[in-house]
N, C-alpha and C. Protein backbone atom coordinates (compact mmCIF):
# COMPACT_ATOMS: atom_id res chain seq x y z
N MET A 1 -5.78 -10.82 20.56
CA MET A 1 -6.46 -11.62 19.57
C MET A 1 -7.64 -10.87 18.96
N ALA A 2 -8.33 -10.08 19.78
CA ALA A 2 -9.48 -9.32 19.28
C ALA A 2 -9.03 -8.30 18.24
N GLY A 3 -7.83 -7.71 18.46
CA GLY A 3 -7.31 -6.75 17.49
C GLY A 3 -7.03 -7.38 16.15
N LEU A 4 -6.49 -8.60 16.17
CA LEU A 4 -6.21 -9.31 14.93
C LEU A 4 -7.50 -9.65 14.19
N ILE A 5 -8.52 -10.09 14.91
CA ILE A 5 -9.81 -10.41 14.29
C ILE A 5 -10.44 -9.15 13.70
N LEU A 6 -10.35 -8.05 14.43
CA LEU A 6 -10.87 -6.78 13.93
C LEU A 6 -10.13 -6.36 12.66
N TYR A 7 -8.84 -6.59 12.67
CA TYR A 7 -8.01 -6.25 11.51
C TYR A 7 -8.37 -7.09 10.30
N ILE A 8 -8.58 -8.39 10.52
CA ILE A 8 -8.97 -9.28 9.42
C ILE A 8 -10.34 -8.88 8.87
N ARG A 9 -11.26 -8.52 9.76
CA ARG A 9 -12.57 -8.05 9.30
C ARG A 9 -12.44 -6.78 8.47
N THR A 10 -11.50 -5.92 8.83
CA THR A 10 -11.27 -4.70 8.06
C THR A 10 -10.75 -5.03 6.66
N ILE A 11 -9.82 -5.96 6.58
CA ILE A 11 -9.28 -6.37 5.28
C ILE A 11 -10.37 -6.97 4.40
N LEU A 12 -11.33 -7.63 5.05
CA LEU A 12 -12.45 -8.23 4.31
C LEU A 12 -13.58 -7.22 4.08
N LEU A 13 -13.28 -5.94 4.27
CA LEU A 13 -14.15 -4.82 3.93
C LEU A 13 -15.40 -4.71 4.79
N ASN A 14 -15.30 -5.09 6.05
CA ASN A 14 -16.42 -4.98 6.98
C ASN A 14 -16.51 -3.53 7.46
N THR A 15 -17.61 -2.86 7.12
CA THR A 15 -17.77 -1.44 7.44
C THR A 15 -17.76 -1.17 8.94
N GLU A 16 -18.38 -2.04 9.72
CA GLU A 16 -18.40 -1.85 11.17
C GLU A 16 -16.99 -1.94 11.77
N ALA A 17 -16.19 -2.86 11.24
CA ALA A 17 -14.81 -3.00 11.73
C ALA A 17 -14.00 -1.76 11.38
N ILE A 18 -14.20 -1.24 10.18
CA ILE A 18 -13.47 -0.02 9.77
C ILE A 18 -13.89 1.14 10.67
N ALA A 19 -15.18 1.25 10.97
CA ALA A 19 -15.65 2.32 11.84
C ALA A 19 -15.07 2.19 13.24
N GLU A 20 -14.96 0.97 13.73
CA GLU A 20 -14.39 0.76 15.06
C GLU A 20 -12.91 1.13 15.09
N LEU A 21 -12.20 0.87 14.01
CA LEU A 21 -10.77 1.18 13.97
C LEU A 21 -10.49 2.68 13.90
N THR A 22 -11.46 3.47 13.45
CA THR A 22 -11.22 4.91 13.37
C THR A 22 -11.03 5.53 14.74
N THR A 23 -11.57 4.88 15.78
CA THR A 23 -11.45 5.43 17.14
C THR A 23 -10.55 4.60 18.03
N SER A 24 -10.03 3.51 17.55
CA SER A 24 -9.22 2.61 18.38
C SER A 24 -7.79 3.11 18.49
N PRO A 25 -7.32 3.43 19.71
CA PRO A 25 -5.93 3.87 19.86
C PRO A 25 -4.94 2.73 19.61
N LYS A 26 -5.37 1.48 19.79
CA LYS A 26 -4.50 0.34 19.53
C LYS A 26 -4.18 0.22 18.04
N TRP A 27 -5.05 0.76 17.20
CA TRP A 27 -4.84 0.61 15.77
C TRP A 27 -3.59 1.34 15.29
N ASN A 28 -3.16 2.39 15.99
CA ASN A 28 -1.92 3.06 15.60
C ASN A 28 -0.76 2.09 15.66
N ILE A 29 -0.70 1.29 16.71
CA ILE A 29 0.38 0.30 16.84
C ILE A 29 0.25 -0.76 15.75
N TRP A 30 -0.98 -1.26 15.54
CA TRP A 30 -1.20 -2.25 14.48
C TRP A 30 -0.84 -1.68 13.11
N GLY A 31 -1.19 -0.43 12.88
CA GLY A 31 -0.88 0.20 11.59
C GLY A 31 0.61 0.29 11.34
N HIS A 32 1.37 0.62 12.39
CA HIS A 32 2.83 0.69 12.24
C HIS A 32 3.42 -0.70 12.03
N LEU A 33 2.90 -1.68 12.76
CA LEU A 33 3.37 -3.06 12.57
C LEU A 33 3.07 -3.56 11.16
N VAL A 34 1.90 -3.24 10.64
CA VAL A 34 1.54 -3.64 9.28
C VAL A 34 2.47 -2.96 8.28
N THR A 35 2.77 -1.69 8.51
CA THR A 35 3.67 -0.96 7.61
C THR A 35 5.05 -1.61 7.59
N ILE A 36 5.57 -1.96 8.76
CA ILE A 36 6.88 -2.62 8.84
C ILE A 36 6.84 -3.99 8.17
N LEU A 37 5.78 -4.76 8.43
CA LEU A 37 5.65 -6.08 7.82
C LEU A 37 5.57 -5.98 6.29
N LEU A 38 4.77 -5.05 5.79
CA LEU A 38 4.70 -4.87 4.34
C LEU A 38 6.05 -4.44 3.77
N GLY A 39 6.79 -3.61 4.52
CA GLY A 39 8.12 -3.20 4.09
C GLY A 39 9.08 -4.37 4.01
N PHE A 40 9.02 -5.27 5.01
CA PHE A 40 9.84 -6.48 4.96
C PHE A 40 9.48 -7.34 3.74
N ILE A 41 8.20 -7.48 3.49
CA ILE A 41 7.77 -8.29 2.34
C ILE A 41 8.25 -7.65 1.05
N TYR A 42 8.10 -6.33 0.93
CA TYR A 42 8.56 -5.62 -0.26
C TYR A 42 10.07 -5.78 -0.42
N GLY A 43 10.80 -5.63 0.69
CA GLY A 43 12.26 -5.80 0.63
C GLY A 43 12.66 -7.21 0.26
N PHE A 44 11.96 -8.20 0.81
CA PHE A 44 12.26 -9.60 0.49
C PHE A 44 11.99 -9.90 -0.98
N ILE A 45 10.89 -9.41 -1.51
CA ILE A 45 10.60 -9.61 -2.94
C ILE A 45 11.66 -8.91 -3.78
N SER A 46 12.09 -7.73 -3.35
CA SER A 46 13.16 -7.02 -4.08
C SER A 46 14.46 -7.81 -4.05
N ILE A 47 14.76 -8.43 -2.92
CA ILE A 47 15.96 -9.25 -2.82
C ILE A 47 15.86 -10.42 -3.80
N GLN A 48 14.72 -11.08 -3.85
CA GLN A 48 14.53 -12.21 -4.75
C GLN A 48 14.66 -11.78 -6.21
N GLN A 49 14.13 -10.63 -6.55
CA GLN A 49 14.19 -10.16 -7.93
C GLN A 49 15.59 -9.68 -8.32
N ASN A 50 16.39 -9.27 -7.35
CA ASN A 50 17.73 -8.73 -7.61
C ASN A 50 18.84 -9.68 -7.17
N MET A 51 18.56 -10.96 -7.13
CA MET A 51 19.53 -11.93 -6.63
C MET A 51 20.82 -11.93 -7.46
N ASP A 52 20.73 -11.74 -8.77
CA ASP A 52 21.94 -11.69 -9.60
C ASP A 52 22.83 -10.52 -9.20
N TYR A 53 22.22 -9.39 -8.96
CA TYR A 53 22.97 -8.21 -8.56
C TYR A 53 23.62 -8.43 -7.19
N ILE A 54 22.85 -8.97 -6.25
CA ILE A 54 23.38 -9.20 -4.91
C ILE A 54 24.52 -10.20 -4.93
N SER A 55 24.38 -11.25 -5.72
CA SER A 55 25.44 -12.27 -5.77
C SER A 55 26.69 -11.79 -6.51
N SER A 56 26.62 -10.64 -7.18
CA SER A 56 27.79 -10.13 -7.90
C SER A 56 28.82 -9.49 -6.96
N PHE A 57 28.47 -9.24 -5.71
CA PHE A 57 29.42 -8.67 -4.77
C PHE A 57 30.42 -9.73 -4.34
N ASP A 58 31.69 -9.36 -4.31
CA ASP A 58 32.74 -10.29 -3.93
C ASP A 58 32.79 -10.53 -2.43
N ALA A 59 32.61 -9.47 -1.66
CA ALA A 59 32.70 -9.59 -0.21
C ALA A 59 31.45 -10.28 0.36
N GLU A 60 31.69 -11.32 1.14
CA GLU A 60 30.58 -12.09 1.70
C GLU A 60 29.73 -11.22 2.63
N PHE A 61 30.37 -10.32 3.38
CA PHE A 61 29.65 -9.42 4.29
C PHE A 61 28.66 -8.55 3.52
N LEU A 62 29.10 -8.01 2.38
CA LEU A 62 28.20 -7.19 1.55
C LEU A 62 27.08 -8.04 0.96
N ARG A 63 27.46 -9.19 0.43
CA ARG A 63 26.51 -10.06 -0.27
C ARG A 63 25.44 -10.63 0.67
N ASN A 64 25.82 -10.94 1.91
CA ASN A 64 24.89 -11.64 2.80
C ASN A 64 24.20 -10.73 3.82
N ILE A 65 24.79 -9.58 4.13
CA ILE A 65 24.22 -8.75 5.20
C ILE A 65 23.88 -7.34 4.72
N VAL A 66 24.87 -6.62 4.20
CA VAL A 66 24.68 -5.20 3.92
C VAL A 66 23.67 -4.96 2.79
N VAL A 67 23.86 -5.57 1.66
CA VAL A 67 22.97 -5.30 0.52
C VAL A 67 21.56 -5.82 0.77
N PRO A 68 21.37 -7.06 1.27
CA PRO A 68 20.00 -7.47 1.61
C PRO A 68 19.38 -6.58 2.70
N GLY A 69 20.18 -6.16 3.67
CA GLY A 69 19.68 -5.25 4.70
C GLY A 69 19.23 -3.92 4.11
N PHE A 70 20.01 -3.44 3.13
CA PHE A 70 19.63 -2.21 2.45
C PHE A 70 18.28 -2.37 1.76
N PHE A 71 18.06 -3.50 1.08
CA PHE A 71 16.79 -3.74 0.41
C PHE A 71 15.63 -3.80 1.41
N ILE A 72 15.86 -4.41 2.57
CA ILE A 72 14.81 -4.49 3.60
C ILE A 72 14.49 -3.10 4.14
N VAL A 73 15.51 -2.32 4.49
CA VAL A 73 15.29 -0.97 5.01
C VAL A 73 14.63 -0.09 3.94
N ALA A 74 15.09 -0.21 2.70
CA ALA A 74 14.47 0.56 1.62
C ALA A 74 13.00 0.16 1.43
N GLY A 75 12.71 -1.12 1.59
CA GLY A 75 11.32 -1.58 1.48
C GLY A 75 10.44 -0.97 2.55
N ILE A 76 10.94 -0.92 3.78
CA ILE A 76 10.16 -0.33 4.87
C ILE A 76 9.94 1.16 4.62
N ILE A 77 10.98 1.85 4.18
CA ILE A 77 10.86 3.28 3.88
C ILE A 77 9.87 3.51 2.74
N MET A 78 9.94 2.70 1.69
CA MET A 78 9.04 2.86 0.56
C MET A 78 7.58 2.64 0.97
N VAL A 79 7.33 1.63 1.77
CA VAL A 79 5.95 1.36 2.20
C VAL A 79 5.45 2.49 3.10
N PHE A 80 6.31 2.98 3.99
CA PHE A 80 5.89 4.09 4.86
C PHE A 80 5.57 5.33 4.03
N LEU A 81 6.44 5.66 3.08
CA LEU A 81 6.18 6.83 2.23
C LEU A 81 4.92 6.65 1.39
N THR A 82 4.69 5.44 0.93
CA THR A 82 3.47 5.17 0.17
C THR A 82 2.24 5.33 1.06
N ARG A 83 2.34 4.88 2.30
CA ARG A 83 1.22 5.05 3.24
C ARG A 83 0.94 6.52 3.50
N VAL A 84 1.98 7.32 3.69
CA VAL A 84 1.81 8.75 3.90
C VAL A 84 1.17 9.39 2.67
N ALA A 85 1.68 9.04 1.48
CA ALA A 85 1.14 9.61 0.24
C ALA A 85 -0.32 9.21 0.05
N LEU A 86 -0.65 7.95 0.29
CA LEU A 86 -2.03 7.49 0.16
C LEU A 86 -2.93 8.24 1.13
N SER A 87 -2.47 8.42 2.36
CA SER A 87 -3.26 9.15 3.36
C SER A 87 -3.51 10.59 2.92
N LEU A 88 -2.46 11.24 2.44
CA LEU A 88 -2.61 12.63 2.00
C LEU A 88 -3.52 12.75 0.79
N LEU A 89 -3.43 11.79 -0.14
CA LEU A 89 -4.31 11.82 -1.30
C LEU A 89 -5.77 11.57 -0.92
N LEU A 90 -6.00 10.61 -0.02
CA LEU A 90 -7.37 10.37 0.45
C LEU A 90 -7.91 11.60 1.19
N TRP A 91 -7.06 12.23 1.98
CA TRP A 91 -7.47 13.43 2.69
C TRP A 91 -7.81 14.56 1.70
N ALA A 92 -6.95 14.77 0.70
CA ALA A 92 -7.18 15.83 -0.27
C ALA A 92 -8.47 15.59 -1.07
N ALA A 93 -8.68 14.36 -1.48
CA ALA A 93 -9.91 14.05 -2.22
C ALA A 93 -11.13 14.22 -1.32
N SER A 94 -11.01 13.82 -0.07
CA SER A 94 -12.13 13.98 0.87
C SER A 94 -12.47 15.44 1.08
N ARG A 95 -11.45 16.25 1.28
CA ARG A 95 -11.69 17.69 1.45
C ARG A 95 -12.22 18.30 0.16
N GLY A 96 -11.67 17.87 -0.97
CA GLY A 96 -12.09 18.41 -2.25
C GLY A 96 -13.55 18.10 -2.59
N PHE A 97 -14.05 16.99 -2.08
CA PHE A 97 -15.44 16.61 -2.33
C PHE A 97 -16.36 17.02 -1.18
N GLY A 98 -15.87 17.87 -0.27
CA GLY A 98 -16.71 18.43 0.77
C GLY A 98 -16.74 17.69 2.08
N GLY A 99 -15.83 16.77 2.29
CA GLY A 99 -15.79 16.03 3.55
C GLY A 99 -14.97 16.77 4.59
N PRO A 100 -15.02 16.29 5.84
CA PRO A 100 -14.26 16.95 6.90
C PRO A 100 -12.76 16.68 6.86
N GLY A 101 -12.32 15.71 6.09
CA GLY A 101 -10.89 15.39 6.00
C GLY A 101 -10.48 14.33 7.00
N LEU A 102 -10.28 14.71 8.27
CA LEU A 102 -9.91 13.78 9.34
C LEU A 102 -8.66 12.97 8.99
N LEU A 103 -7.56 13.68 8.78
CA LEU A 103 -6.31 13.04 8.35
C LEU A 103 -5.84 11.97 9.32
N GLY A 104 -6.01 12.18 10.61
CA GLY A 104 -5.57 11.18 11.59
C GLY A 104 -6.27 9.84 11.41
N GLN A 105 -7.59 9.89 11.20
CA GLN A 105 -8.34 8.65 10.99
C GLN A 105 -7.96 8.00 9.67
N ILE A 106 -7.78 8.82 8.65
CA ILE A 106 -7.41 8.27 7.34
C ILE A 106 -6.03 7.62 7.42
N PHE A 107 -5.07 8.28 8.08
CA PHE A 107 -3.73 7.70 8.21
C PHE A 107 -3.78 6.39 8.99
N ARG A 108 -4.59 6.36 10.04
CA ARG A 108 -4.72 5.14 10.85
C ARG A 108 -5.23 3.98 10.00
N LEU A 109 -6.16 4.25 9.12
CA LEU A 109 -6.76 3.19 8.31
C LEU A 109 -5.99 2.87 7.02
N SER A 110 -5.09 3.77 6.63
CA SER A 110 -4.38 3.57 5.35
C SER A 110 -3.48 2.34 5.35
N ALA A 111 -3.02 1.91 6.51
CA ALA A 111 -2.20 0.68 6.56
C ALA A 111 -3.03 -0.51 6.11
N GLY A 112 -4.27 -0.56 6.54
CA GLY A 112 -5.15 -1.65 6.10
C GLY A 112 -5.44 -1.59 4.61
N ALA A 113 -5.49 -0.39 4.06
CA ALA A 113 -5.74 -0.26 2.62
C ALA A 113 -4.55 -0.72 1.79
N MET A 114 -3.37 -0.75 2.40
CA MET A 114 -2.17 -1.13 1.65
C MET A 114 -1.91 -2.63 1.65
N ILE A 115 -2.61 -3.38 2.49
CA ILE A 115 -2.37 -4.82 2.55
C ILE A 115 -2.60 -5.52 1.21
N PRO A 116 -3.64 -5.18 0.46
CA PRO A 116 -3.80 -5.84 -0.84
C PRO A 116 -2.66 -5.58 -1.82
N SER A 117 -1.82 -4.60 -1.52
CA SER A 117 -0.68 -4.33 -2.41
C SER A 117 0.30 -5.48 -2.44
N ILE A 118 0.22 -6.38 -1.44
CA ILE A 118 1.08 -7.57 -1.45
C ILE A 118 0.87 -8.35 -2.75
N LEU A 119 -0.36 -8.38 -3.22
CA LEU A 119 -0.65 -9.10 -4.47
C LEU A 119 -0.01 -8.44 -5.68
N ALA A 120 0.13 -7.11 -5.63
CA ALA A 120 0.66 -6.37 -6.77
C ALA A 120 2.18 -6.21 -6.75
N MET A 121 2.81 -6.36 -5.58
CA MET A 121 4.25 -6.10 -5.46
C MET A 121 5.11 -6.90 -6.43
N PRO A 122 4.94 -8.21 -6.56
CA PRO A 122 5.83 -8.95 -7.48
C PRO A 122 5.74 -8.45 -8.92
N GLY A 123 4.56 -8.13 -9.37
CA GLY A 123 4.40 -7.63 -10.74
C GLY A 123 5.04 -6.28 -10.94
N PHE A 124 4.87 -5.37 -9.97
CA PHE A 124 5.47 -4.05 -10.09
C PHE A 124 6.99 -4.12 -10.01
N ILE A 125 7.52 -4.95 -9.13
CA ILE A 125 8.98 -5.06 -9.01
C ILE A 125 9.57 -5.67 -10.28
N ALA A 126 8.96 -6.72 -10.81
CA ALA A 126 9.45 -7.34 -12.05
C ALA A 126 9.37 -6.36 -13.20
N ASN A 127 8.30 -5.59 -13.28
CA ASN A 127 8.15 -4.60 -14.34
C ASN A 127 9.21 -3.51 -14.21
N GLY A 128 9.52 -3.10 -12.97
CA GLY A 128 10.53 -2.08 -12.74
C GLY A 128 11.93 -2.54 -13.13
N LEU A 129 12.16 -3.83 -13.09
CA LEU A 129 13.46 -4.39 -13.47
C LEU A 129 13.50 -4.77 -14.95
N ASP A 130 12.46 -4.44 -15.67
CA ASP A 130 12.34 -4.82 -17.09
C ASP A 130 12.43 -6.32 -17.28
N ALA A 131 12.00 -7.07 -16.28
CA ALA A 131 11.97 -8.53 -16.37
C ALA A 131 10.63 -8.96 -16.97
N THR A 132 10.57 -10.21 -17.37
CA THR A 132 9.33 -10.75 -17.86
C THR A 132 8.36 -10.87 -16.70
N VAL A 133 7.17 -10.32 -16.88
CA VAL A 133 6.17 -10.36 -15.83
C VAL A 133 5.24 -11.53 -16.12
N PRO A 134 5.22 -12.55 -15.26
CA PRO A 134 4.34 -13.69 -15.51
C PRO A 134 2.87 -13.29 -15.43
N PHE A 135 2.04 -14.09 -16.09
CA PHE A 135 0.60 -13.80 -16.13
C PHE A 135 0.01 -13.73 -14.73
N ILE A 136 0.43 -14.61 -13.84
CA ILE A 136 -0.11 -14.61 -12.48
C ILE A 136 0.23 -13.31 -11.76
N ALA A 137 1.38 -12.72 -12.06
CA ALA A 137 1.75 -11.44 -11.47
C ALA A 137 0.86 -10.32 -12.00
N VAL A 138 0.50 -10.40 -13.28
CA VAL A 138 -0.42 -9.41 -13.86
C VAL A 138 -1.78 -9.51 -13.19
N VAL A 139 -2.25 -10.74 -12.98
CA VAL A 139 -3.52 -10.94 -12.28
C VAL A 139 -3.42 -10.40 -10.86
N GLY A 140 -2.29 -10.64 -10.20
CA GLY A 140 -2.07 -10.11 -8.86
C GLY A 140 -2.13 -8.59 -8.81
N VAL A 141 -1.56 -7.94 -9.81
CA VAL A 141 -1.60 -6.48 -9.88
C VAL A 141 -3.04 -6.00 -10.02
N ILE A 142 -3.79 -6.62 -10.92
CA ILE A 142 -5.18 -6.21 -11.14
C ILE A 142 -6.03 -6.43 -9.89
N VAL A 143 -5.92 -7.61 -9.29
CA VAL A 143 -6.71 -7.91 -8.09
C VAL A 143 -6.28 -7.01 -6.93
N GLY A 144 -4.97 -6.83 -6.76
CA GLY A 144 -4.46 -5.99 -5.67
C GLY A 144 -4.93 -4.55 -5.78
N ILE A 145 -4.86 -3.98 -6.97
CA ILE A 145 -5.28 -2.59 -7.16
C ILE A 145 -6.79 -2.47 -6.97
N ALA A 146 -7.55 -3.41 -7.50
CA ALA A 146 -9.01 -3.37 -7.33
C ALA A 146 -9.39 -3.47 -5.85
N TRP A 147 -8.73 -4.37 -5.13
CA TRP A 147 -9.01 -4.54 -3.70
C TRP A 147 -8.62 -3.28 -2.92
N MET A 148 -7.48 -2.68 -3.27
CA MET A 148 -7.07 -1.43 -2.63
C MET A 148 -8.09 -0.33 -2.89
N TYR A 149 -8.58 -0.27 -4.12
CA TYR A 149 -9.57 0.75 -4.49
C TYR A 149 -10.83 0.61 -3.63
N ILE A 150 -11.33 -0.60 -3.53
CA ILE A 150 -12.56 -0.83 -2.76
C ILE A 150 -12.31 -0.55 -1.27
N THR A 151 -11.14 -0.92 -0.77
CA THR A 151 -10.81 -0.63 0.63
C THR A 151 -10.75 0.88 0.87
N CYS A 152 -10.15 1.61 -0.04
CA CYS A 152 -10.08 3.07 0.09
C CYS A 152 -11.48 3.69 0.03
N VAL A 153 -12.33 3.15 -0.82
CA VAL A 153 -13.71 3.64 -0.89
C VAL A 153 -14.40 3.42 0.46
N LYS A 154 -14.22 2.25 1.05
CA LYS A 154 -14.83 1.97 2.36
C LYS A 154 -14.29 2.93 3.42
N ILE A 155 -12.99 3.22 3.37
CA ILE A 155 -12.40 4.15 4.33
C ILE A 155 -13.03 5.53 4.18
N VAL A 156 -13.17 5.98 2.95
CA VAL A 156 -13.77 7.30 2.71
C VAL A 156 -15.24 7.29 3.12
N LEU A 157 -15.95 6.22 2.83
CA LEU A 157 -17.36 6.13 3.24
C LEU A 157 -17.50 6.26 4.76
N VAL A 158 -16.64 5.58 5.49
CA VAL A 158 -16.74 5.57 6.95
C VAL A 158 -16.26 6.88 7.55
N THR A 159 -15.11 7.37 7.12
CA THR A 159 -14.54 8.56 7.77
C THR A 159 -15.19 9.86 7.33
N GLN A 160 -15.66 9.94 6.10
CA GLN A 160 -16.20 11.19 5.57
C GLN A 160 -17.73 11.23 5.55
N LYS A 161 -18.35 10.08 5.78
CA LYS A 161 -19.82 9.98 5.75
C LYS A 161 -20.39 10.41 4.40
N PHE A 162 -19.67 10.04 3.33
CA PHE A 162 -20.12 10.35 1.97
C PHE A 162 -21.21 9.38 1.54
N VAL A 163 -22.00 9.82 0.55
CA VAL A 163 -22.88 8.87 -0.13
C VAL A 163 -21.97 8.02 -1.01
N PRO A 164 -22.37 6.79 -1.33
CA PRO A 164 -21.46 5.89 -2.06
C PRO A 164 -20.89 6.45 -3.36
N TRP A 165 -21.70 7.09 -4.19
CA TRP A 165 -21.17 7.56 -5.47
C TRP A 165 -20.07 8.59 -5.28
N LYS A 166 -20.19 9.43 -4.24
CA LYS A 166 -19.18 10.45 -3.98
C LYS A 166 -17.87 9.79 -3.51
N ALA A 167 -17.98 8.75 -2.71
CA ALA A 167 -16.79 8.04 -2.24
C ALA A 167 -16.08 7.36 -3.41
N TYR A 168 -16.85 6.70 -4.28
CA TYR A 168 -16.24 6.02 -5.44
C TYR A 168 -15.55 7.03 -6.36
N ILE A 169 -16.18 8.16 -6.61
CA ILE A 169 -15.59 9.18 -7.50
C ILE A 169 -14.35 9.80 -6.86
N SER A 170 -14.40 10.12 -5.57
CA SER A 170 -13.25 10.76 -4.94
C SER A 170 -12.03 9.83 -4.94
N VAL A 171 -12.25 8.55 -4.68
CA VAL A 171 -11.12 7.61 -4.69
C VAL A 171 -10.64 7.38 -6.13
N LEU A 172 -11.56 7.34 -7.08
CA LEU A 172 -11.16 7.20 -8.48
C LEU A 172 -10.27 8.37 -8.91
N VAL A 173 -10.60 9.56 -8.47
CA VAL A 173 -9.80 10.74 -8.80
C VAL A 173 -8.37 10.59 -8.27
N ILE A 174 -8.22 10.12 -7.03
CA ILE A 174 -6.85 10.00 -6.50
C ILE A 174 -6.10 8.85 -7.17
N PHE A 175 -6.80 7.79 -7.56
CA PHE A 175 -6.12 6.71 -8.26
C PHE A 175 -5.65 7.18 -9.63
N ILE A 176 -6.46 7.95 -10.33
CA ILE A 176 -6.04 8.50 -11.62
C ILE A 176 -4.85 9.44 -11.43
N PHE A 177 -4.92 10.29 -10.41
CA PHE A 177 -3.81 11.19 -10.12
C PHE A 177 -2.54 10.41 -9.81
N PHE A 178 -2.65 9.38 -8.97
CA PHE A 178 -1.50 8.58 -8.58
C PHE A 178 -0.89 7.89 -9.80
N ILE A 179 -1.73 7.35 -10.68
CA ILE A 179 -1.23 6.69 -11.90
C ILE A 179 -0.52 7.69 -12.80
N SER A 180 -1.07 8.90 -12.91
CA SER A 180 -0.42 9.90 -13.76
C SER A 180 0.94 10.30 -13.19
N ILE A 181 1.04 10.43 -11.87
CA ILE A 181 2.33 10.73 -11.23
C ILE A 181 3.30 9.58 -11.45
N TYR A 182 2.80 8.36 -11.32
CA TYR A 182 3.63 7.17 -11.53
C TYR A 182 4.24 7.20 -12.93
N TYR A 183 3.46 7.55 -13.94
CA TYR A 183 3.97 7.57 -15.30
C TYR A 183 4.85 8.78 -15.59
N ILE A 184 4.72 9.84 -14.81
CA ILE A 184 5.64 10.97 -14.96
C ILE A 184 7.00 10.59 -14.38
N VAL A 185 6.99 9.95 -13.22
CA VAL A 185 8.23 9.58 -12.56
C VAL A 185 8.90 8.40 -13.26
N ILE A 186 8.11 7.40 -13.62
CA ILE A 186 8.65 6.21 -14.28
C ILE A 186 7.95 6.08 -15.64
N PRO A 187 8.53 6.67 -16.69
CA PRO A 187 7.88 6.60 -18.00
C PRO A 187 7.84 5.18 -18.53
N PRO A 188 6.82 4.86 -19.32
CA PRO A 188 6.74 3.50 -19.87
C PRO A 188 7.92 3.21 -20.82
N ALA A 189 8.30 1.97 -20.84
CA ALA A 189 9.42 1.55 -21.70
C ALA A 189 9.03 1.69 -23.17
N THR A 190 9.99 2.09 -23.97
CA THR A 190 9.72 2.23 -25.41
C THR A 190 10.50 1.23 -26.20
């Protein structure tokens, strides 16, 4: 129960909780569980968004087990890869701005930084399917990204011992880099 409370305090941007998690060996297990849970959520949202495609399969086994299972497994893989990429980007920005790096601590905390992405997932998935994105999903994307940004700043502040302006700039640099890569891989619709 104490681990869950510590985790909730971390999500609510409590600096002391984030500092405690940098040394907690239990956090590795919590981080992996959060990654799997976020992957399930991502897969479930993908299933909901692709229901027409899934229902187009004639075989009941494919329609009810294989294809939804594929979406769930793909969701877990996508979230894990995103966590690795976020950790590496935070590490690179930290090193680039003169910090010690500490990739292990950054990776441990990156799962907590990804939790606000739950708010952005429906909007990103709907946009990827060229579906109409409801206004609430747009708000979710904005709030989710802003919350992730602030969480990443707190992680950099705690792990790198940066002054606040340096932490904000280093995280801003990786977010700009990530957005530019996103638009190279997935060009905007014309």
